[in-house]
Amino acid sequence: MFIHPGSTDEVAARFPEIDRFQVGVTRKDHVDQMTFIVELKEGCEATEKLAKRIEAAIPKNMRVRGKVKFIERGTLPENYKKIDDRRKWD
């Protein structure tokens, strides 16, 4: 799985509710998995409806499918990587 950072920015730009985000890439049973990790702007609510809207936008911009995970504001460190590849190659 190859993810271009510009594609992740395009997804986030479609949702004014998103403050910061990170794409986590993992591997389970020899299949790459992608999670769009999202910190929402203050006053925005993490709803299932919003998660589904973001999940629908991911393949349109990134050509892959992924899940959305909402996290608390301020969870991502200051110098976080926009794409965090956590795959293990055993």
N, C-alpha and C. Protein backbone atom coordinates (compact mmCIF):
# COMPACT_ATOMS: atom_id res chain seq x y z
N MET A 1 0.85 -1.17 0.00
CA MET A 1 0.00 0.00 0.00
C MET A 1 0.89 1.23 0.00
N PHE A 2 0.64 2.12 -0.95
CA PHE A 2 1.35 3.39 -1.00
C PHE A 2 0.34 4.51 -0.81
N ILE A 3 0.62 5.39 0.12
CA ILE A 3 -0.26 6.52 0.40
C ILE A 3 0.54 7.80 0.23
N HIS A 4 0.07 8.67 -0.64
CA HIS A 4 0.73 9.95 -0.86
C HIS A 4 0.22 10.96 0.16
N PRO A 5 1.11 11.68 0.83
CA PRO A 5 0.67 12.67 1.83
C PRO A 5 -0.33 13.69 1.29
N GLY A 6 -0.19 14.08 0.03
CA GLY A 6 -1.12 15.05 -0.56
C GLY A 6 -2.54 14.51 -0.61
N SER A 7 -2.67 13.21 -0.81
CA SER A 7 -4.01 12.59 -0.84
C SER A 7 -4.67 12.64 0.52
N THR A 8 -3.87 12.48 1.57
CA THR A 8 -4.45 12.55 2.92
C THR A 8 -4.93 13.96 3.21
N ASP A 9 -4.17 14.96 2.74
CA ASP A 9 -4.57 16.36 2.92
C ASP A 9 -5.88 16.64 2.19
N GLU A 10 -6.06 16.06 1.01
CA GLU A 10 -7.28 16.27 0.24
C GLU A 10 -8.50 15.73 0.99
N VAL A 11 -8.34 14.57 1.62
CA VAL A 11 -9.46 14.01 2.39
C VAL A 11 -9.80 14.96 3.55
N ALA A 12 -8.78 15.34 4.31
CA ALA A 12 -9.02 16.20 5.48
C ALA A 12 -9.62 17.54 5.09
N ALA A 13 -9.21 18.08 3.96
CA ALA A 13 -9.70 19.39 3.51
C ALA A 13 -11.20 19.38 3.22
N ARG A 14 -11.76 18.22 2.96
CA ARG A 14 -13.19 18.12 2.66
C ARG A 14 -14.07 18.21 3.91
N PHE A 15 -13.44 18.16 5.09
CA PHE A 15 -14.20 18.13 6.34
C PHE A 15 -13.72 19.23 7.27
N PRO A 16 -14.46 20.32 7.36
CA PRO A 16 -14.04 21.43 8.22
C PRO A 16 -13.98 21.05 9.70
N GLU A 17 -14.58 19.92 10.06
CA GLU A 17 -14.58 19.47 11.45
C GLU A 17 -13.19 18.96 11.88
N ILE A 18 -12.36 18.54 10.90
CA ILE A 18 -11.06 17.94 11.22
C ILE A 18 -10.05 19.03 11.57
N ASP A 19 -9.44 18.88 12.74
CA ASP A 19 -8.37 19.80 13.16
C ASP A 19 -7.03 19.23 12.74
N ARG A 20 -6.69 18.02 13.24
CA ARG A 20 -5.45 17.35 12.88
C ARG A 20 -5.75 15.89 12.63
N PHE A 21 -4.87 15.25 11.86
CA PHE A 21 -5.10 13.84 11.54
C PHE A 21 -3.78 13.14 11.30
N GLN A 22 -3.84 11.82 11.37
CA GLN A 22 -2.71 10.98 11.05
C GLN A 22 -3.25 9.71 10.39
N VAL A 23 -2.53 9.20 9.42
CA VAL A 23 -2.89 7.94 8.78
C VAL A 23 -1.99 6.86 9.35
N GLY A 24 -2.60 5.87 9.98
CA GLY A 24 -1.86 4.73 10.52
C GLY A 24 -2.00 3.55 9.59
N VAL A 25 -0.86 2.95 9.23
CA VAL A 25 -0.87 1.78 8.36
C VAL A 25 -0.34 0.60 9.16
N THR A 26 -1.13 -0.47 9.21
CA THR A 26 -0.74 -1.69 9.89
C THR A 26 -0.92 -2.86 8.94
N ARG A 27 -0.54 -4.03 9.40
CA ARG A 27 -0.67 -5.24 8.58
C ARG A 27 -1.21 -6.36 9.46
N LYS A 28 -2.30 -7.00 9.01
CA LYS A 28 -2.90 -8.11 9.76
C LYS A 28 -3.19 -9.24 8.77
N ASP A 29 -2.70 -10.42 9.08
CA ASP A 29 -2.91 -11.60 8.22
C ASP A 29 -2.50 -11.31 6.78
N HIS A 30 -1.34 -10.68 6.61
CA HIS A 30 -0.76 -10.37 5.29
C HIS A 30 -1.60 -9.39 4.48
N VAL A 31 -2.43 -8.60 5.15
CA VAL A 31 -3.25 -7.59 4.47
C VAL A 31 -2.99 -6.23 5.13
N ASP A 32 -2.64 -5.25 4.31
CA ASP A 32 -2.43 -3.90 4.83
C ASP A 32 -3.77 -3.29 5.25
N GLN A 33 -3.74 -2.56 6.36
CA GLN A 33 -4.93 -1.88 6.86
C GLN A 33 -4.58 -0.43 7.14
N MET A 34 -5.53 0.46 6.84
CA MET A 34 -5.31 1.88 7.01
C MET A 34 -6.37 2.46 7.93
N THR A 35 -5.91 3.27 8.90
CA THR A 35 -6.81 3.96 9.81
C THR A 35 -6.55 5.45 9.72
N PHE A 36 -7.61 6.21 9.49
CA PHE A 36 -7.54 7.67 9.43
C PHE A 36 -7.85 8.16 10.84
N ILE A 37 -6.81 8.56 11.57
CA ILE A 37 -6.92 8.95 12.97
C ILE A 37 -7.18 10.45 13.02
N VAL A 38 -8.26 10.86 13.67
CA VAL A 38 -8.74 12.23 13.56
C VAL A 38 -8.91 12.90 14.92
N GLU A 39 -8.36 14.11 15.03
CA GLU A 39 -8.67 15.02 16.13
C GLU A 39 -9.62 16.06 15.56
N LEU A 40 -10.76 16.23 16.18
CA LEU A 40 -11.75 17.19 15.70
C LEU A 40 -11.52 18.57 16.31
N LYS A 41 -12.00 19.58 15.62
CA LYS A 41 -11.94 20.94 16.14
C LYS A 41 -12.83 21.06 17.36
N GLU A 42 -12.52 22.01 18.19
CA GLU A 42 -13.31 22.24 19.40
C GLU A 42 -14.76 22.50 19.03
N GLY A 43 -15.66 21.87 19.75
CA GLY A 43 -17.09 22.04 19.51
C GLY A 43 -17.67 21.06 18.51
N CYS A 44 -16.84 20.26 17.85
CA CYS A 44 -17.33 19.27 16.89
C CYS A 44 -17.48 17.92 17.58
N GLU A 45 -18.50 17.21 17.19
CA GLU A 45 -18.82 15.93 17.83
C GLU A 45 -18.41 14.75 16.95
N ALA A 46 -17.79 13.77 17.58
CA ALA A 46 -17.36 12.55 16.89
C ALA A 46 -18.57 11.62 16.76
N THR A 47 -19.24 11.67 15.63
CA THR A 47 -20.43 10.86 15.42
C THR A 47 -20.15 9.75 14.41
N GLU A 48 -20.98 8.73 14.46
CA GLU A 48 -20.88 7.64 13.49
C GLU A 48 -21.14 8.16 12.08
N LYS A 49 -22.05 9.10 11.96
CA LYS A 49 -22.37 9.69 10.66
C LYS A 49 -21.15 10.40 10.06
N LEU A 50 -20.42 11.16 10.87
CA LEU A 50 -19.22 11.83 10.38
C LEU A 50 -18.16 10.81 10.00
N ALA A 51 -17.98 9.78 10.81
CA ALA A 51 -17.00 8.74 10.50
C ALA A 51 -17.33 8.09 9.15
N LYS A 52 -18.58 7.79 8.90
CA LYS A 52 -18.99 7.17 7.64
C LYS A 52 -18.74 8.11 6.45
N ARG A 53 -18.97 9.40 6.64
CA ARG A 53 -18.73 10.37 5.57
C ARG A 53 -17.24 10.44 5.22
N ILE A 54 -16.40 10.43 6.25
CA ILE A 54 -14.95 10.46 6.01
C ILE A 54 -14.51 9.15 5.35
N GLU A 55 -15.01 8.02 5.85
CA GLU A 55 -14.66 6.72 5.28
C GLU A 55 -15.08 6.63 3.81
N ALA A 56 -16.18 7.27 3.44
CA ALA A 56 -16.62 7.27 2.04
C ALA A 56 -15.70 8.14 1.17
N ALA A 57 -15.11 9.17 1.76
CA ALA A 57 -14.23 10.08 1.00
C ALA A 57 -12.84 9.49 0.80
N ILE A 58 -12.41 8.61 1.68
CA ILE A 58 -11.05 8.07 1.62
C ILE A 58 -10.76 7.41 0.27
N PRO A 59 -11.55 6.46 -0.20
CA PRO A 59 -11.20 5.82 -1.48
C PRO A 59 -11.30 6.76 -2.68
N LYS A 60 -12.10 7.79 -2.58
CA LYS A 60 -12.22 8.74 -3.69
C LYS A 60 -10.92 9.52 -3.89
N ASN A 61 -10.21 9.80 -2.81
CA ASN A 61 -8.98 10.58 -2.89
C ASN A 61 -7.72 9.74 -2.78
N MET A 62 -7.79 8.64 -2.04
CA MET A 62 -6.58 7.89 -1.74
C MET A 62 -6.50 6.54 -2.47
N ARG A 63 -7.56 6.12 -3.12
CA ARG A 63 -7.60 4.86 -3.87
C ARG A 63 -7.43 3.63 -2.97
N VAL A 64 -7.66 3.79 -1.68
CA VAL A 64 -7.66 2.67 -0.73
C VAL A 64 -8.84 2.86 0.21
N ARG A 65 -9.22 1.80 0.88
CA ARG A 65 -10.27 1.90 1.89
C ARG A 65 -9.63 2.00 3.26
N GLY A 66 -10.34 2.63 4.17
CA GLY A 66 -9.82 2.75 5.53
C GLY A 66 -10.92 3.03 6.52
N LYS A 67 -10.59 2.85 7.76
CA LYS A 67 -11.50 3.13 8.86
C LYS A 67 -11.11 4.45 9.51
N VAL A 68 -12.06 5.07 10.19
CA VAL A 68 -11.82 6.32 10.91
C VAL A 68 -11.82 6.04 12.40
N LYS A 69 -10.86 6.62 13.09
CA LYS A 69 -10.80 6.53 14.55
C LYS A 69 -10.67 7.95 15.10
N PHE A 70 -11.61 8.37 15.92
CA PHE A 70 -11.54 9.68 16.55
C PHE A 70 -10.74 9.58 17.83
N ILE A 71 -9.87 10.58 18.07
CA ILE A 71 -9.10 10.63 19.30
C ILE A 71 -9.29 12.00 19.94
N GLU A 72 -8.93 12.11 21.20
CA GLU A 72 -9.04 13.37 21.94
C GLU A 72 -8.13 14.43 21.33
N ARG A 73 -8.58 15.66 21.37
CA ARG A 73 -7.74 16.77 20.92
C ARG A 73 -6.46 16.80 21.73
N GLY A 74 -5.35 17.08 21.05
CA GLY A 74 -4.06 17.18 21.73
C GLY A 74 -3.36 15.84 21.91
N THR A 75 -3.95 14.75 21.41
CA THR A 75 -3.34 13.43 21.56
C THR A 75 -2.13 13.28 20.64
N LEU A 76 -2.22 13.79 19.43
CA LEU A 76 -1.08 13.69 18.51
C LEU A 76 0.03 14.62 19.00
N PRO A 77 1.27 14.13 19.06
CA PRO A 77 2.36 14.98 19.52
C PRO A 77 2.66 16.11 18.53
N GLU A 78 3.40 17.11 18.98
CA GLU A 78 3.70 18.28 18.14
C GLU A 78 4.32 17.90 16.80
N ASN A 79 5.33 17.07 16.81
CA ASN A 79 6.05 16.72 15.58
C ASN A 79 5.63 15.35 15.06
N TYR A 80 4.35 15.10 15.00
CA TYR A 80 3.87 13.79 14.57
C TYR A 80 4.04 13.62 13.06
N LYS A 81 4.16 12.35 12.65
CA LYS A 81 4.22 12.03 11.22
C LYS A 81 2.81 11.96 10.69
N LYS A 82 2.58 12.54 9.54
CA LYS A 82 1.25 12.51 8.94
C LYS A 82 0.87 11.08 8.55
N ILE A 83 1.86 10.30 8.13
CA ILE A 83 1.64 8.89 7.81
C ILE A 83 2.54 8.07 8.71
N ASP A 84 1.94 7.22 9.54
CA ASP A 84 2.67 6.39 10.49
C ASP A 84 2.58 4.93 10.04
N ASP A 85 3.64 4.45 9.42
CA ASP A 85 3.67 3.08 8.91
C ASP A 85 4.16 2.15 10.02
N ARG A 86 3.25 1.37 10.58
CA ARG A 86 3.56 0.47 11.69
C ARG A 86 3.63 -0.99 11.26
N ARG A 87 3.71 -1.23 9.95
CA ARG A 87 3.75 -2.61 9.47
C ARG A 87 5.05 -3.28 9.91
N LYS A 88 4.93 -4.57 10.23
CA LYS A 88 6.09 -5.39 10.58
C LYS A 88 6.31 -6.37 9.44
N TRP A 89 7.54 -6.49 9.01
CA TRP A 89 7.88 -7.39 7.90
C TRP A 89 8.66 -8.57 8.46
N ASP A 90 7.92 -9.60 8.84
CA ASP A 90 8.57 -10.79 9.43
C ASP A 90 9.01 -11.75 8.37
